[in-house]
Amino acid sequence: YTNWHGSRKFVIDAEEQGNYTRFINHSNEPNLALQSVYLGGIPRMLFVSVKEIPEGCQLTFDYGDLFWKQLRRRPELIT
């Protein structure tokens, strides 16, 4: 869930249709973050690394509080 430059709100959700990003797991100490950009005038969200990711290491992202609230559970502590 992200606020796009103070306007519409978007949700990134691969439940019904997704791509390789569905394999990005949650972590409280993620190695990826989201960056909002416009590409050809269309808003896009890019995953960018926040630290060096060794080969073979899983990709992780902090799903955020709203994700866990909607699931009605707390995240497991995955670091």
N, C-alpha and C. Protein backbone atom coordinates (compact mmCIF):
# COMPACT_ATOMS: atom_id res chain seq x y z
N TYR A 1 0.85 -1.16 0.00
CA TYR A 1 0.00 0.00 0.00
C TYR A 1 0.89 1.21 0.00
N THR A 2 0.70 2.06 -0.97
CA THR A 2 1.55 3.23 -1.03
C THR A 2 0.76 4.44 -1.50
N ASN A 3 1.11 5.57 -1.02
CA ASN A 3 0.48 6.81 -1.46
C ASN A 3 1.33 7.37 -2.58
N TRP A 4 0.75 7.48 -3.76
CA TRP A 4 1.51 7.91 -4.93
C TRP A 4 1.55 9.42 -5.02
N HIS A 5 2.57 10.01 -4.48
CA HIS A 5 2.78 11.45 -4.53
C HIS A 5 1.56 12.23 -4.06
N GLY A 6 0.93 11.74 -2.98
CA GLY A 6 -0.18 12.47 -2.39
C GLY A 6 -1.50 12.33 -3.12
N SER A 7 -1.59 11.42 -4.07
CA SER A 7 -2.84 11.28 -4.82
C SER A 7 -3.46 9.92 -4.60
N ARG A 8 -3.70 9.17 -5.68
CA ARG A 8 -4.33 7.86 -5.58
C ARG A 8 -3.50 6.89 -4.74
N LYS A 9 -4.19 5.92 -4.20
CA LYS A 9 -3.51 4.90 -3.41
C LYS A 9 -3.51 3.60 -4.20
N PHE A 10 -2.40 2.88 -4.16
CA PHE A 10 -2.24 1.64 -4.90
C PHE A 10 -1.85 0.52 -3.96
N VAL A 11 -2.22 -0.68 -4.33
CA VAL A 11 -1.84 -1.87 -3.58
C VAL A 11 -1.10 -2.79 -4.53
N ILE A 12 0.04 -3.30 -4.10
CA ILE A 12 0.78 -4.28 -4.89
C ILE A 12 0.37 -5.64 -4.36
N ASP A 13 -0.31 -6.42 -5.22
CA ASP A 13 -0.90 -7.68 -4.78
C ASP A 13 -0.81 -8.71 -5.90
N ALA A 14 -0.15 -9.83 -5.63
CA ALA A 14 0.00 -10.88 -6.64
C ALA A 14 -0.91 -12.07 -6.36
N GLU A 15 -1.98 -11.85 -5.56
CA GLU A 15 -2.85 -12.97 -5.19
C GLU A 15 -3.52 -13.60 -6.41
N GLU A 16 -4.04 -12.79 -7.33
CA GLU A 16 -4.76 -13.35 -8.48
C GLU A 16 -3.89 -13.43 -9.73
N GLN A 17 -2.95 -12.56 -9.85
CA GLN A 17 -2.05 -12.58 -11.01
C GLN A 17 -0.73 -11.98 -10.56
N GLY A 18 0.35 -12.61 -10.91
CA GLY A 18 1.63 -12.09 -10.46
C GLY A 18 2.76 -12.52 -11.36
N ASN A 19 3.94 -12.15 -10.97
CA ASN A 19 5.13 -12.51 -11.71
C ASN A 19 6.20 -12.94 -10.70
N TYR A 20 7.44 -12.85 -11.08
CA TYR A 20 8.52 -13.33 -10.20
C TYR A 20 8.55 -12.62 -8.85
N THR A 21 7.96 -11.44 -8.74
CA THR A 21 8.00 -10.73 -7.46
C THR A 21 7.18 -11.44 -6.39
N ARG A 22 6.33 -12.39 -6.78
CA ARG A 22 5.58 -13.13 -5.77
C ARG A 22 6.49 -13.97 -4.88
N PHE A 23 7.74 -14.14 -5.29
CA PHE A 23 8.69 -14.92 -4.50
C PHE A 23 9.50 -14.05 -3.54
N ILE A 24 9.23 -12.77 -3.49
CA ILE A 24 9.92 -11.88 -2.56
C ILE A 24 9.25 -12.02 -1.19
N ASN A 25 10.00 -12.46 -0.21
CA ASN A 25 9.48 -12.75 1.12
C ASN A 25 9.55 -11.55 2.05
N HIS A 26 8.75 -11.60 3.12
CA HIS A 26 8.77 -10.54 4.13
C HIS A 26 9.99 -10.68 5.04
N SER A 27 10.50 -9.56 5.47
CA SER A 27 11.55 -9.54 6.49
C SER A 27 11.45 -8.24 7.26
N ASN A 28 11.78 -8.29 8.54
CA ASN A 28 11.87 -7.07 9.35
C ASN A 28 13.16 -6.32 9.06
N GLU A 29 14.12 -6.99 8.41
CA GLU A 29 15.37 -6.37 7.99
C GLU A 29 15.56 -6.67 6.51
N PRO A 30 14.73 -6.04 5.64
CA PRO A 30 14.72 -6.39 4.22
C PRO A 30 15.98 -5.95 3.48
N ASN A 31 16.21 -6.60 2.34
CA ASN A 31 17.31 -6.16 1.47
C ASN A 31 16.79 -5.43 0.23
N LEU A 32 15.45 -5.25 0.16
CA LEU A 32 14.84 -4.49 -0.93
C LEU A 32 13.91 -3.42 -0.37
N ALA A 33 13.72 -2.36 -1.15
CA ALA A 33 12.75 -1.31 -0.83
C ALA A 33 12.06 -0.92 -2.14
N LEU A 34 10.94 -0.21 -2.02
CA LEU A 34 10.22 0.24 -3.20
C LEU A 34 10.60 1.67 -3.54
N GLN A 35 10.68 1.94 -4.83
CA GLN A 35 10.95 3.29 -5.33
C GLN A 35 9.87 3.61 -6.37
N SER A 36 9.15 4.70 -6.19
CA SER A 36 8.13 5.09 -7.17
C SER A 36 8.78 5.89 -8.29
N VAL A 37 8.42 5.54 -9.52
CA VAL A 37 8.94 6.23 -10.71
C VAL A 37 7.82 6.33 -11.75
N TYR A 38 8.01 7.20 -12.71
CA TYR A 38 7.14 7.26 -13.87
C TYR A 38 7.93 6.76 -15.06
N LEU A 39 7.36 5.84 -15.80
CA LEU A 39 8.01 5.30 -16.99
C LEU A 39 7.05 5.48 -18.16
N GLY A 40 7.41 6.35 -19.09
CA GLY A 40 6.52 6.66 -20.20
C GLY A 40 5.22 7.29 -19.73
N GLY A 41 5.27 8.05 -18.64
CA GLY A 41 4.09 8.71 -18.10
C GLY A 41 3.21 7.81 -17.25
N ILE A 42 3.62 6.56 -17.05
CA ILE A 42 2.83 5.61 -16.27
C ILE A 42 3.53 5.37 -14.94
N PRO A 43 2.79 5.48 -13.83
CA PRO A 43 3.43 5.23 -12.53
C PRO A 43 3.80 3.76 -12.38
N ARG A 44 5.02 3.53 -11.88
CA ARG A 44 5.52 2.17 -11.65
C ARG A 44 6.21 2.12 -10.30
N MET A 45 6.27 0.94 -9.74
CA MET A 45 7.01 0.72 -8.50
C MET A 45 8.16 -0.22 -8.81
N LEU A 46 9.37 0.17 -8.43
CA LEU A 46 10.56 -0.65 -8.65
C LEU A 46 11.09 -1.14 -7.31
N PHE A 47 11.51 -2.40 -7.29
CA PHE A 47 12.23 -2.90 -6.13
C PHE A 47 13.70 -2.56 -6.33
N VAL A 48 14.31 -1.93 -5.34
CA VAL A 48 15.73 -1.58 -5.38
C VAL A 48 16.41 -2.16 -4.15
N SER A 49 17.66 -2.54 -4.30
CA SER A 49 18.38 -3.11 -3.16
C SER A 49 18.78 -1.99 -2.20
N VAL A 50 18.71 -2.29 -0.91
CA VAL A 50 19.11 -1.33 0.11
C VAL A 50 20.45 -1.73 0.73
N LYS A 51 20.93 -2.90 0.33
CA LYS A 51 22.25 -3.35 0.75
C LYS A 51 22.70 -4.42 -0.24
N GLU A 52 23.97 -4.77 -0.17
CA GLU A 52 24.48 -5.79 -1.07
C GLU A 52 23.79 -7.12 -0.80
N ILE A 53 23.38 -7.80 -1.87
CA ILE A 53 22.69 -9.07 -1.76
C ILE A 53 23.58 -10.15 -2.36
N PRO A 54 24.13 -11.01 -1.52
CA PRO A 54 25.01 -12.06 -2.04
C PRO A 54 24.24 -13.04 -2.95
N GLU A 55 24.94 -13.61 -3.89
CA GLU A 55 24.34 -14.61 -4.77
C GLU A 55 23.76 -15.75 -3.94
N GLY A 56 22.57 -16.17 -4.30
CA GLY A 56 21.91 -17.26 -3.60
C GLY A 56 21.10 -16.82 -2.39
N CYS A 57 21.18 -15.55 -2.00
CA CYS A 57 20.44 -15.04 -0.85
C CYS A 57 19.01 -14.69 -1.29
N GLN A 58 18.02 -14.99 -0.46
CA GLN A 58 16.66 -14.67 -0.84
C GLN A 58 16.42 -13.17 -0.83
N LEU A 59 15.49 -12.74 -1.68
CA LEU A 59 15.09 -11.34 -1.74
C LEU A 59 13.99 -11.12 -0.71
N THR A 60 14.12 -10.03 0.07
CA THR A 60 13.16 -9.76 1.13
C THR A 60 12.70 -8.31 1.09
N PHE A 61 11.50 -8.10 1.61
CA PHE A 61 10.87 -6.79 1.60
C PHE A 61 9.96 -6.70 2.82
N ASP A 62 9.86 -5.53 3.42
CA ASP A 62 8.95 -5.33 4.55
C ASP A 62 7.55 -5.08 3.98
N TYR A 63 6.65 -6.03 4.17
CA TYR A 63 5.30 -5.94 3.60
C TYR A 63 4.49 -4.79 4.18
N GLY A 64 4.84 -4.32 5.35
CA GLY A 64 4.15 -3.18 5.95
C GLY A 64 3.03 -3.59 6.90
N ASP A 65 2.66 -2.67 7.76
CA ASP A 65 1.66 -2.93 8.80
C ASP A 65 0.29 -3.26 8.23
N LEU A 66 -0.13 -2.58 7.16
CA LEU A 66 -1.46 -2.80 6.60
C LEU A 66 -1.64 -4.24 6.11
N PHE A 67 -0.60 -4.80 5.51
CA PHE A 67 -0.65 -6.18 5.03
C PHE A 67 -1.00 -7.13 6.17
N TRP A 68 -0.30 -6.99 7.29
CA TRP A 68 -0.51 -7.89 8.43
C TRP A 68 -1.83 -7.62 9.11
N LYS A 69 -2.25 -6.36 9.14
CA LYS A 69 -3.54 -6.02 9.73
C LYS A 69 -4.67 -6.68 8.95
N GLN A 70 -4.59 -6.66 7.62
CA GLN A 70 -5.63 -7.27 6.80
C GLN A 70 -5.64 -8.79 6.97
N LEU A 71 -4.50 -9.40 7.21
CA LEU A 71 -4.44 -10.85 7.47
C LEU A 71 -4.88 -11.21 8.88
N ARG A 72 -4.98 -10.17 9.72
CA ARG A 72 -5.32 -10.35 11.14
C ARG A 72 -4.30 -11.22 11.86
N ARG A 73 -3.04 -10.98 11.56
CA ARG A 73 -1.98 -11.68 12.28
C ARG A 73 -0.72 -10.84 12.24
N ARG A 74 0.22 -11.17 13.08
CA ARG A 74 1.50 -10.47 13.14
C ARG A 74 2.52 -11.21 12.30
N PRO A 75 3.48 -10.48 11.75
CA PRO A 75 4.51 -11.15 10.95
C PRO A 75 5.41 -12.03 11.82
N GLU A 76 5.84 -13.12 11.25
CA GLU A 76 6.86 -13.92 11.92
C GLU A 76 8.16 -13.16 11.84
N LEU A 77 8.98 -13.30 12.82
CA LEU A 77 10.25 -12.57 12.82
C LEU A 77 11.23 -13.27 11.89
N ILE A 78 11.29 -12.78 10.66
CA ILE A 78 12.21 -13.30 9.65
C ILE A 78 13.23 -12.22 9.39
N THR A 79 14.48 -12.52 9.57
CA THR A 79 15.52 -11.51 9.34
C THR A 79 16.48 -11.99 8.29
